[in-house]
N, C-alpha and C. Protein backbone atom coordinates (compact mmCIF):
# COMPACT_ATOMS: atom_id res chain seq x y z
N MET A 1 14.26 -43.00 -21.30
CA MET A 1 15.62 -42.63 -21.31
C MET A 1 16.45 -43.70 -20.69
N ALA A 2 16.02 -44.26 -19.63
CA ALA A 2 16.78 -45.32 -18.94
C ALA A 2 16.86 -46.58 -19.98
N PHE A 3 15.86 -46.82 -20.60
CA PHE A 3 15.79 -47.96 -21.66
C PHE A 3 17.00 -47.77 -22.69
N PHE A 4 17.17 -46.59 -23.22
CA PHE A 4 18.31 -46.31 -24.17
C PHE A 4 19.60 -46.40 -23.51
N LEU A 5 19.73 -45.92 -22.24
CA LEU A 5 20.98 -45.93 -21.51
C LEU A 5 21.37 -47.40 -21.34
N VAL A 6 20.43 -48.17 -20.82
CA VAL A 6 20.82 -49.52 -20.52
C VAL A 6 21.03 -50.28 -21.84
N GLY A 7 20.04 -50.05 -22.73
CA GLY A 7 20.24 -50.76 -24.06
C GLY A 7 21.46 -50.51 -24.75
N GLY A 8 21.98 -49.13 -24.68
CA GLY A 8 23.16 -48.81 -25.29
C GLY A 8 24.48 -49.52 -24.62
N LEU A 9 24.36 -49.48 -23.34
CA LEU A 9 25.44 -50.26 -22.57
C LEU A 9 25.48 -51.72 -22.88
N VAL A 10 24.38 -52.26 -23.07
CA VAL A 10 24.33 -53.73 -23.36
C VAL A 10 24.83 -53.98 -24.81
N THR A 11 24.53 -53.03 -25.72
CA THR A 11 24.92 -53.10 -27.11
C THR A 11 26.39 -52.96 -27.18
N ILE A 12 26.90 -52.04 -26.46
CA ILE A 12 28.37 -51.81 -26.51
C ILE A 12 29.04 -52.94 -25.95
N GLY A 13 28.62 -53.62 -24.89
CA GLY A 13 29.14 -54.84 -24.37
C GLY A 13 29.03 -55.96 -25.30
N ALA A 14 27.93 -56.09 -26.10
CA ALA A 14 27.78 -57.10 -27.11
C ALA A 14 28.88 -57.01 -28.10
N ALA A 15 29.12 -55.71 -28.52
CA ALA A 15 30.06 -55.47 -29.64
C ALA A 15 31.54 -55.73 -29.13
N GLN A 16 31.79 -55.49 -27.86
CA GLN A 16 33.06 -55.87 -27.31
C GLN A 16 33.23 -57.36 -27.26
N ASN A 17 32.23 -58.23 -27.18
CA ASN A 17 32.27 -59.64 -27.06
C ASN A 17 32.22 -60.39 -28.51
N GLY A 18 32.31 -59.55 -29.51
CA GLY A 18 32.31 -60.21 -30.85
C GLY A 18 31.09 -60.20 -31.59
N TRP A 19 29.88 -59.77 -31.01
CA TRP A 19 28.65 -59.85 -31.80
C TRP A 19 28.75 -58.85 -32.91
N GLN A 20 27.86 -59.08 -34.00
CA GLN A 20 28.04 -58.26 -35.18
C GLN A 20 26.57 -57.70 -35.49
N LEU A 21 26.63 -56.58 -36.10
CA LEU A 21 25.41 -55.97 -36.65
C LEU A 21 25.07 -56.44 -37.90
N ARG A 22 23.97 -57.04 -38.25
CA ARG A 22 23.62 -57.35 -39.60
C ARG A 22 22.39 -56.54 -40.09
N VAL A 23 22.44 -56.11 -41.26
CA VAL A 23 21.34 -55.62 -41.83
C VAL A 23 20.95 -56.50 -43.01
N LEU A 24 19.78 -56.99 -42.81
CA LEU A 24 19.23 -58.10 -43.58
C LEU A 24 20.20 -59.25 -43.47
N VAL A 25 20.85 -59.62 -44.47
CA VAL A 25 21.86 -60.72 -44.40
C VAL A 25 23.35 -60.16 -44.53
N VAL A 26 23.63 -58.90 -44.67
CA VAL A 26 25.00 -58.45 -44.86
C VAL A 26 25.38 -58.11 -43.39
N PRO A 27 26.59 -58.83 -43.05
CA PRO A 27 27.21 -58.49 -41.58
C PRO A 27 27.96 -57.22 -41.76
N LEU A 28 27.62 -56.26 -40.83
CA LEU A 28 28.45 -54.98 -40.79
C LEU A 28 29.50 -55.03 -39.84
N GLY A 29 29.58 -56.02 -38.91
CA GLY A 29 30.66 -56.20 -37.94
C GLY A 29 30.34 -55.55 -36.55
N SER A 30 31.33 -55.80 -35.74
CA SER A 30 31.18 -55.38 -34.36
C SER A 30 31.39 -53.77 -34.18
N GLY A 31 32.08 -53.19 -35.11
CA GLY A 31 32.34 -51.74 -34.98
C GLY A 31 31.05 -51.08 -35.32
N ALA A 32 30.21 -51.42 -36.15
CA ALA A 32 28.82 -50.86 -36.46
C ALA A 32 27.95 -51.09 -35.21
N LEU A 33 28.00 -52.20 -34.57
CA LEU A 33 27.21 -52.37 -33.40
C LEU A 33 27.67 -51.43 -32.22
N LEU A 34 28.93 -51.26 -32.21
CA LEU A 34 29.54 -50.27 -31.20
C LEU A 34 29.08 -48.94 -31.43
N VAL A 35 29.11 -48.43 -32.65
CA VAL A 35 28.58 -47.12 -32.96
C VAL A 35 27.06 -46.96 -32.62
N VAL A 36 26.23 -47.96 -32.92
CA VAL A 36 24.83 -47.93 -32.49
C VAL A 36 24.64 -47.81 -31.00
N GLY A 37 25.49 -48.56 -30.30
CA GLY A 37 25.46 -48.46 -28.76
C GLY A 37 25.84 -47.17 -28.30
N LEU A 38 26.97 -46.55 -28.89
CA LEU A 38 27.43 -45.17 -28.53
C LEU A 38 26.29 -44.20 -28.63
N ILE A 39 25.62 -44.29 -29.84
CA ILE A 39 24.63 -43.34 -30.24
C ILE A 39 23.44 -43.38 -29.14
N MET A 40 23.08 -44.57 -28.73
CA MET A 40 21.99 -44.73 -27.83
C MET A 40 22.42 -44.24 -26.39
N VAL A 41 23.67 -44.45 -26.09
CA VAL A 41 24.11 -43.88 -24.70
C VAL A 41 24.23 -42.45 -24.70
N LEU A 42 24.74 -41.83 -25.78
CA LEU A 42 24.96 -40.45 -25.91
C LEU A 42 23.58 -39.78 -25.98
N GLY A 43 22.65 -40.37 -26.75
CA GLY A 43 21.24 -39.79 -26.81
C GLY A 43 20.59 -39.76 -25.39
N ALA A 44 20.72 -40.88 -24.73
CA ALA A 44 20.13 -40.89 -23.28
C ALA A 44 20.80 -39.91 -22.39
N LEU A 45 22.18 -39.75 -22.57
CA LEU A 45 22.77 -38.81 -21.64
C LEU A 45 22.49 -37.31 -22.01
N ALA A 46 22.06 -36.97 -23.31
CA ALA A 46 21.80 -35.67 -23.76
C ALA A 46 20.39 -35.39 -23.13
N GLY A 47 19.56 -36.35 -23.29
CA GLY A 47 18.25 -36.18 -22.69
C GLY A 47 18.32 -35.96 -21.13
N LEU A 48 19.08 -36.75 -20.48
CA LEU A 48 19.29 -36.53 -19.06
C LEU A 48 19.76 -35.15 -18.62
N ALA A 49 20.85 -34.68 -19.56
CA ALA A 49 21.31 -33.33 -19.33
C ALA A 49 20.29 -32.28 -19.62
N SER A 50 19.47 -32.39 -20.55
CA SER A 50 18.51 -31.32 -20.79
C SER A 50 17.41 -31.30 -19.72
N THR A 51 17.19 -32.37 -19.04
CA THR A 51 16.36 -32.50 -17.97
C THR A 51 16.74 -31.55 -16.77
N PHE A 52 18.00 -31.63 -16.58
CA PHE A 52 18.61 -30.84 -15.38
C PHE A 52 19.17 -29.47 -15.85
N ARG A 53 18.90 -29.13 -17.00
CA ARG A 53 19.45 -27.78 -17.55
C ARG A 53 18.66 -26.61 -16.72
N PRO A 54 19.43 -25.70 -16.21
CA PRO A 54 18.87 -24.59 -15.42
C PRO A 54 17.85 -23.72 -16.36
N ALA A 55 16.90 -23.20 -15.69
CA ALA A 55 15.86 -22.43 -16.41
C ALA A 55 16.46 -21.21 -16.95
N PRO A 56 15.99 -20.78 -18.17
CA PRO A 56 16.61 -19.56 -18.76
C PRO A 56 16.22 -18.37 -18.01
N ILE A 57 15.19 -18.30 -17.24
CA ILE A 57 14.80 -17.11 -16.51
C ILE A 57 14.26 -17.63 -15.17
N ALA A 58 14.76 -17.11 -14.07
CA ALA A 58 14.30 -17.34 -12.72
C ALA A 58 14.00 -16.04 -12.04
N LEU A 59 12.89 -16.09 -11.36
CA LEU A 59 12.34 -14.82 -10.64
C LEU A 59 12.37 -15.06 -9.21
N ASP A 60 12.73 -14.15 -8.46
CA ASP A 60 12.47 -14.03 -6.98
C ASP A 60 12.24 -12.58 -6.46
N GLU A 61 12.29 -12.40 -5.15
CA GLU A 61 11.98 -11.14 -4.61
C GLU A 61 13.13 -10.16 -4.86
N SER A 62 14.34 -10.60 -5.09
CA SER A 62 15.42 -9.73 -5.39
C SER A 62 15.58 -9.31 -6.84
N GLY A 63 14.99 -10.04 -7.76
CA GLY A 63 15.22 -9.76 -9.15
C GLY A 63 15.05 -10.97 -10.04
N LEU A 64 15.75 -10.85 -11.11
CA LEU A 64 15.86 -11.99 -12.09
C LEU A 64 17.26 -12.56 -12.29
N ARG A 65 17.15 -13.82 -12.55
CA ARG A 65 18.47 -14.55 -13.00
C ARG A 65 18.21 -14.87 -14.51
N LEU A 66 18.97 -14.17 -15.36
CA LEU A 66 18.73 -14.43 -16.76
C LEU A 66 19.85 -15.25 -17.40
N ARG A 67 19.57 -16.16 -18.32
CA ARG A 67 20.43 -16.97 -19.14
C ARG A 67 19.97 -16.91 -20.57
N VAL A 68 19.48 -15.79 -21.17
CA VAL A 68 18.99 -15.61 -22.44
C VAL A 68 19.57 -14.25 -23.01
N ALA A 69 19.24 -14.25 -24.30
CA ALA A 69 19.39 -13.01 -25.12
C ALA A 69 20.82 -12.31 -24.83
N GLY A 70 21.82 -13.14 -24.75
CA GLY A 70 23.21 -12.56 -24.44
C GLY A 70 23.49 -12.11 -22.97
N ILE A 71 22.42 -12.35 -22.09
CA ILE A 71 22.56 -11.90 -20.75
C ILE A 71 22.66 -13.15 -19.86
N ASP A 72 23.79 -13.22 -19.09
CA ASP A 72 23.90 -14.48 -18.11
C ASP A 72 24.39 -13.80 -16.89
N ARG A 73 23.39 -13.31 -16.12
CA ARG A 73 23.71 -12.74 -14.79
C ARG A 73 22.42 -12.51 -14.08
N SER A 74 22.58 -12.05 -12.80
CA SER A 74 21.40 -11.68 -11.93
C SER A 74 21.18 -10.28 -12.19
N VAL A 75 19.96 -9.92 -12.37
CA VAL A 75 19.49 -8.45 -12.57
C VAL A 75 18.62 -8.08 -11.51
N PRO A 76 18.93 -7.09 -10.62
CA PRO A 76 18.08 -6.69 -9.69
C PRO A 76 16.80 -5.96 -10.12
N TRP A 77 15.72 -5.99 -9.34
CA TRP A 77 14.54 -5.30 -9.78
C TRP A 77 14.77 -3.76 -10.16
N ALA A 78 15.69 -3.07 -9.43
CA ALA A 78 16.03 -1.67 -9.73
C ALA A 78 16.52 -1.43 -11.20
N SER A 79 16.98 -2.53 -11.79
CA SER A 79 17.47 -2.35 -13.24
C SER A 79 16.40 -2.66 -14.28
N VAL A 80 15.23 -2.97 -13.78
CA VAL A 80 14.22 -3.41 -14.63
C VAL A 80 13.01 -2.37 -14.45
N ASP A 81 12.68 -1.65 -15.70
CA ASP A 81 11.59 -0.88 -15.73
C ASP A 81 10.30 -1.58 -15.89
N ALA A 82 10.37 -2.72 -16.79
CA ALA A 82 9.17 -3.29 -17.08
C ALA A 82 9.47 -4.81 -17.62
N LEU A 83 8.61 -5.76 -17.41
CA LEU A 83 8.64 -7.06 -17.99
C LEU A 83 7.37 -7.06 -18.78
N ILE A 84 7.39 -7.29 -20.16
CA ILE A 84 6.23 -7.21 -20.92
C ILE A 84 5.89 -8.53 -21.58
N LEU A 85 4.72 -9.00 -21.46
CA LEU A 85 4.36 -10.22 -22.34
C LEU A 85 3.54 -9.57 -23.69
N GLU A 86 4.26 -9.71 -24.69
CA GLU A 86 3.87 -9.15 -25.94
C GLU A 86 3.27 -10.25 -26.81
N PRO A 87 2.00 -10.03 -27.39
CA PRO A 87 1.42 -11.08 -28.17
C PRO A 87 2.19 -11.31 -29.52
N TYR A 88 1.95 -12.39 -30.12
CA TYR A 88 2.61 -12.83 -31.32
C TYR A 88 2.42 -11.72 -32.43
N GLN A 89 3.62 -11.37 -33.03
CA GLN A 89 3.68 -10.27 -34.14
C GLN A 89 3.78 -10.91 -35.42
N GLY A 90 2.95 -11.67 -35.94
CA GLY A 90 3.27 -12.23 -37.23
C GLY A 90 2.14 -11.79 -38.34
N ASN A 91 1.90 -12.74 -39.26
CA ASN A 91 0.97 -12.49 -40.25
C ASN A 91 -0.52 -12.43 -39.58
N LEU A 92 -1.44 -11.74 -40.18
CA LEU A 92 -2.70 -11.59 -39.75
C LEU A 92 -3.47 -12.95 -39.61
N ASP A 93 -3.19 -13.84 -40.50
CA ASP A 93 -3.92 -15.22 -40.41
C ASP A 93 -3.16 -16.34 -39.60
N SER A 94 -2.16 -15.90 -38.95
CA SER A 94 -1.29 -17.00 -38.20
C SER A 94 -1.26 -16.60 -36.78
N THR A 95 -1.03 -17.69 -35.95
CA THR A 95 -0.90 -17.36 -34.54
C THR A 95 0.32 -18.01 -34.12
N GLY A 96 0.82 -17.48 -32.91
CA GLY A 96 2.00 -17.98 -32.50
C GLY A 96 2.24 -17.59 -30.96
N PRO A 97 3.39 -17.98 -30.33
CA PRO A 97 3.45 -17.84 -29.01
C PRO A 97 3.78 -16.32 -28.63
N ALA A 98 3.37 -15.96 -27.39
CA ALA A 98 3.69 -14.59 -26.90
C ALA A 98 5.22 -14.56 -26.53
N ARG A 99 5.65 -13.34 -26.57
CA ARG A 99 7.09 -13.20 -26.12
C ARG A 99 7.20 -12.40 -24.87
N LEU A 100 8.21 -12.75 -24.17
CA LEU A 100 8.60 -12.05 -22.93
C LEU A 100 9.74 -11.07 -23.27
N LEU A 101 9.47 -9.74 -22.91
CA LEU A 101 10.36 -8.66 -23.17
C LEU A 101 10.84 -7.98 -21.94
N LEU A 102 11.96 -7.53 -21.85
CA LEU A 102 12.55 -6.80 -20.77
C LEU A 102 12.81 -5.37 -21.24
N VAL A 103 12.21 -4.39 -20.48
CA VAL A 103 12.61 -2.97 -20.57
C VAL A 103 13.58 -2.63 -19.53
N PRO A 104 14.79 -2.47 -19.73
CA PRO A 104 15.79 -2.08 -18.75
C PRO A 104 15.60 -0.52 -18.31
N SER A 105 15.92 -0.29 -17.13
CA SER A 105 15.96 1.09 -16.59
C SER A 105 17.02 1.80 -17.26
N ALA A 106 17.02 3.16 -17.21
CA ALA A 106 17.90 3.96 -17.99
C ALA A 106 19.44 3.76 -17.46
N ASP A 107 19.70 3.42 -16.20
CA ASP A 107 21.05 3.29 -15.78
C ASP A 107 21.54 1.84 -15.71
N ALA A 108 20.67 0.87 -16.25
CA ALA A 108 21.06 -0.50 -16.15
C ALA A 108 22.00 -0.87 -17.26
N ASP A 109 23.10 -1.68 -17.02
CA ASP A 109 24.10 -2.11 -17.94
C ASP A 109 23.85 -3.65 -18.00
N LEU A 110 23.29 -4.16 -18.90
CA LEU A 110 22.99 -5.57 -19.03
C LEU A 110 23.97 -6.29 -20.05
N GLY A 111 24.77 -5.49 -20.62
CA GLY A 111 25.77 -6.18 -21.54
C GLY A 111 25.10 -6.32 -22.99
N THR A 112 23.98 -5.80 -23.06
CA THR A 112 23.27 -5.87 -24.47
C THR A 112 22.44 -4.67 -24.59
N VAL A 113 22.25 -4.22 -25.79
CA VAL A 113 21.52 -3.05 -26.03
C VAL A 113 19.93 -3.36 -26.32
N ALA A 114 19.19 -2.46 -25.70
CA ALA A 114 17.63 -2.57 -26.03
C ALA A 114 17.27 -2.07 -27.38
N GLU A 115 17.29 -2.68 -28.36
CA GLU A 115 17.13 -2.22 -29.69
C GLU A 115 15.63 -2.45 -30.19
N TYR A 116 14.97 -3.33 -29.65
CA TYR A 116 13.57 -3.60 -30.15
C TYR A 116 12.63 -2.74 -29.55
N GLN A 117 11.72 -2.17 -30.32
CA GLN A 117 10.63 -1.25 -29.86
C GLN A 117 9.49 -2.12 -29.58
N ASN A 118 9.01 -2.34 -28.42
CA ASN A 118 7.91 -3.29 -28.18
C ASN A 118 6.54 -2.57 -28.76
N LYS A 119 5.54 -3.50 -28.91
CA LYS A 119 4.22 -3.08 -29.58
C LYS A 119 3.23 -2.73 -28.52
N VAL A 120 3.65 -2.98 -27.15
CA VAL A 120 2.62 -2.67 -26.00
C VAL A 120 2.70 -1.35 -25.62
N ASP A 121 3.94 -0.78 -25.36
CA ASP A 121 3.96 0.67 -24.95
C ASP A 121 5.10 1.40 -25.77
N GLY A 122 5.77 0.83 -26.64
CA GLY A 122 6.71 1.51 -27.52
C GLY A 122 8.13 1.81 -27.01
N ARG A 123 8.39 1.28 -25.87
CA ARG A 123 9.71 1.62 -25.20
C ARG A 123 10.70 0.65 -25.90
N PRO A 124 12.04 0.97 -25.81
CA PRO A 124 13.10 0.12 -26.21
C PRO A 124 13.03 -1.18 -25.36
N SER A 125 13.22 -2.23 -25.89
CA SER A 125 13.14 -3.59 -25.14
C SER A 125 14.11 -4.46 -25.62
N ILE A 126 14.33 -5.59 -24.77
CA ILE A 126 15.12 -6.71 -25.13
C ILE A 126 14.30 -7.93 -25.25
N ILE A 127 14.23 -8.70 -26.35
CA ILE A 127 13.46 -9.87 -26.48
C ILE A 127 14.13 -10.91 -25.77
N LEU A 128 13.55 -11.34 -24.58
CA LEU A 128 14.10 -12.54 -23.83
C LEU A 128 13.89 -13.85 -24.45
N LEU A 129 12.62 -14.22 -24.63
CA LEU A 129 12.31 -15.54 -25.34
C LEU A 129 10.84 -15.69 -25.64
N PRO A 130 10.45 -16.57 -26.62
CA PRO A 130 9.08 -16.83 -26.81
C PRO A 130 8.59 -17.80 -25.53
N LEU A 131 7.31 -17.65 -25.30
CA LEU A 131 6.79 -18.31 -24.17
C LEU A 131 6.79 -19.99 -24.49
N ASP A 132 6.73 -20.43 -25.63
CA ASP A 132 6.69 -21.81 -25.97
C ASP A 132 8.02 -22.45 -25.69
N SER A 133 9.02 -21.74 -25.44
CA SER A 133 10.23 -22.44 -25.08
C SER A 133 10.45 -22.65 -23.63
N LEU A 134 9.39 -22.23 -22.78
CA LEU A 134 9.40 -22.55 -21.40
C LEU A 134 8.60 -23.84 -21.10
N ARG A 135 8.86 -24.41 -20.04
CA ARG A 135 8.06 -25.66 -19.66
C ARG A 135 6.85 -25.37 -19.06
N ALA A 136 6.71 -24.17 -18.51
CA ALA A 136 5.39 -23.81 -17.81
C ALA A 136 4.38 -23.20 -18.89
N SER A 137 3.18 -23.34 -18.47
CA SER A 137 2.01 -22.79 -19.29
C SER A 137 2.10 -21.23 -19.24
N GLN A 138 1.44 -20.63 -20.29
CA GLN A 138 1.20 -19.15 -20.29
C GLN A 138 0.55 -18.66 -18.96
N ASP A 139 -0.44 -19.34 -18.56
CA ASP A 139 -1.10 -18.92 -17.38
C ASP A 139 -0.13 -18.88 -15.99
N GLN A 140 0.63 -20.00 -15.96
CA GLN A 140 1.60 -20.10 -14.92
C GLN A 140 2.73 -18.96 -15.00
N VAL A 141 3.14 -18.65 -16.19
CA VAL A 141 4.08 -17.51 -16.32
C VAL A 141 3.46 -16.20 -15.94
N ILE A 142 2.24 -15.98 -16.36
CA ILE A 142 1.56 -14.74 -15.97
C ILE A 142 1.55 -14.66 -14.52
N HIS A 143 1.08 -15.76 -13.78
CA HIS A 143 0.98 -15.66 -12.34
C HIS A 143 2.26 -15.33 -11.65
N VAL A 144 3.30 -16.09 -12.12
CA VAL A 144 4.72 -15.81 -11.45
C VAL A 144 5.12 -14.38 -11.80
N LEU A 145 4.92 -13.87 -12.95
CA LEU A 145 5.37 -12.53 -13.31
C LEU A 145 4.61 -11.51 -12.38
N ALA A 146 3.26 -11.72 -12.34
CA ALA A 146 2.45 -10.86 -11.54
C ALA A 146 2.81 -10.78 -10.18
N THR A 147 3.13 -12.02 -9.61
CA THR A 147 3.55 -12.19 -8.20
C THR A 147 4.86 -11.36 -7.90
N TYR A 148 6.01 -11.70 -8.63
CA TYR A 148 7.25 -11.17 -8.31
C TYR A 148 7.47 -9.84 -8.97
N ALA A 149 7.04 -9.69 -10.26
CA ALA A 149 7.39 -8.30 -10.82
C ALA A 149 6.31 -7.21 -10.42
N GLY A 150 5.25 -7.52 -10.05
CA GLY A 150 4.18 -6.57 -9.65
C GLY A 150 3.89 -5.67 -10.53
N GLN A 151 4.10 -4.35 -10.30
CA GLN A 151 3.50 -3.23 -11.19
C GLN A 151 4.53 -3.10 -12.41
N ARG A 152 5.74 -3.81 -12.27
CA ARG A 152 6.61 -3.78 -13.50
C ARG A 152 6.04 -4.74 -14.62
N PHE A 153 5.08 -5.57 -14.37
CA PHE A 153 4.71 -6.59 -15.33
C PHE A 153 3.58 -6.03 -16.18
N LEU A 154 3.59 -5.96 -17.42
CA LEU A 154 2.54 -5.55 -18.33
C LEU A 154 2.22 -6.74 -19.15
N ASN A 155 0.95 -7.02 -19.02
CA ASN A 155 0.40 -8.22 -19.81
C ASN A 155 -0.32 -7.73 -21.04
N GLY A 156 0.46 -7.67 -22.19
CA GLY A 156 -0.04 -7.22 -23.48
C GLY A 156 -0.99 -8.21 -24.07
N VAL A 157 -0.84 -9.58 -23.67
CA VAL A 157 -1.50 -10.62 -24.31
C VAL A 157 -2.99 -10.49 -23.88
N SER A 158 -3.29 -10.23 -22.63
CA SER A 158 -4.71 -10.09 -22.37
C SER A 158 -5.35 -8.80 -22.86
N SER A 159 -4.56 -7.76 -22.93
CA SER A 159 -5.24 -6.52 -23.65
C SER A 159 -5.33 -6.71 -25.07
N ALA A 160 -4.51 -7.46 -25.69
CA ALA A 160 -4.64 -7.75 -27.17
C ALA A 160 -5.96 -8.65 -27.37
N MET A 161 -6.18 -9.59 -26.49
CA MET A 161 -7.36 -10.43 -26.56
C MET A 161 -8.56 -9.64 -26.31
N GLU A 162 -8.58 -8.83 -25.43
CA GLU A 162 -9.70 -7.89 -25.18
C GLU A 162 -9.97 -6.96 -26.40
N THR A 163 -8.96 -6.45 -27.02
CA THR A 163 -9.13 -5.66 -28.14
C THR A 163 -9.73 -6.45 -29.30
N GLU A 164 -9.28 -7.72 -29.51
CA GLU A 164 -9.93 -8.51 -30.58
C GLU A 164 -11.30 -8.75 -30.33
N SER A 165 -11.66 -9.07 -29.02
CA SER A 165 -13.03 -9.59 -28.73
C SER A 165 -14.01 -8.30 -28.74
N PHE A 166 -13.55 -7.18 -28.26
CA PHE A 166 -14.43 -6.09 -28.03
C PHE A 166 -14.05 -4.84 -28.94
N GLY A 167 -13.03 -4.97 -29.83
CA GLY A 167 -12.42 -3.80 -30.42
C GLY A 167 -13.37 -3.13 -31.41
N SER A 168 -14.13 -3.71 -32.26
CA SER A 168 -14.88 -2.94 -33.21
C SER A 168 -16.32 -3.23 -32.99
N PRO A 169 -17.12 -2.17 -33.06
CA PRO A 169 -18.60 -2.42 -32.81
C PRO A 169 -19.19 -2.93 -34.12
N ALA A 170 -20.21 -3.72 -33.83
CA ALA A 170 -20.93 -4.34 -35.07
C ALA A 170 -21.79 -3.31 -35.82
């Protein structure tokens, strides 16, 4: 990232000092060199900004801080009936990431409606995000959810794996 930032700034400086961008033997001028430098600098800054982007979900003892699924607020644990880790629901021959679902309590007003009926226990839920959009591994997510959500956390992924392994007798 630093390479592109410094390289872009040097390229912009070169364009301002009359250097030209040439493709093979065709001179494109200093304006084209300036555009290349700007693209490098903006790309580096975008990468830097994504590094410091806040997490879509943060958990602690008091509840959740959500920035997903149309919810941008803190949600106390009293407003959460369950957090469910649901296995991938796709074709039989394909695999995909598990999804994190929120089952709000009856009196919770999260600003969005729980329209999805989850496959783990059938309650209306809100799909928060697929786990592959998080930087943490699935095991780390399970550990954090079990620690902070406690009895509210339902791990549908491990029960689905047990069903696949031991589901039908031979």
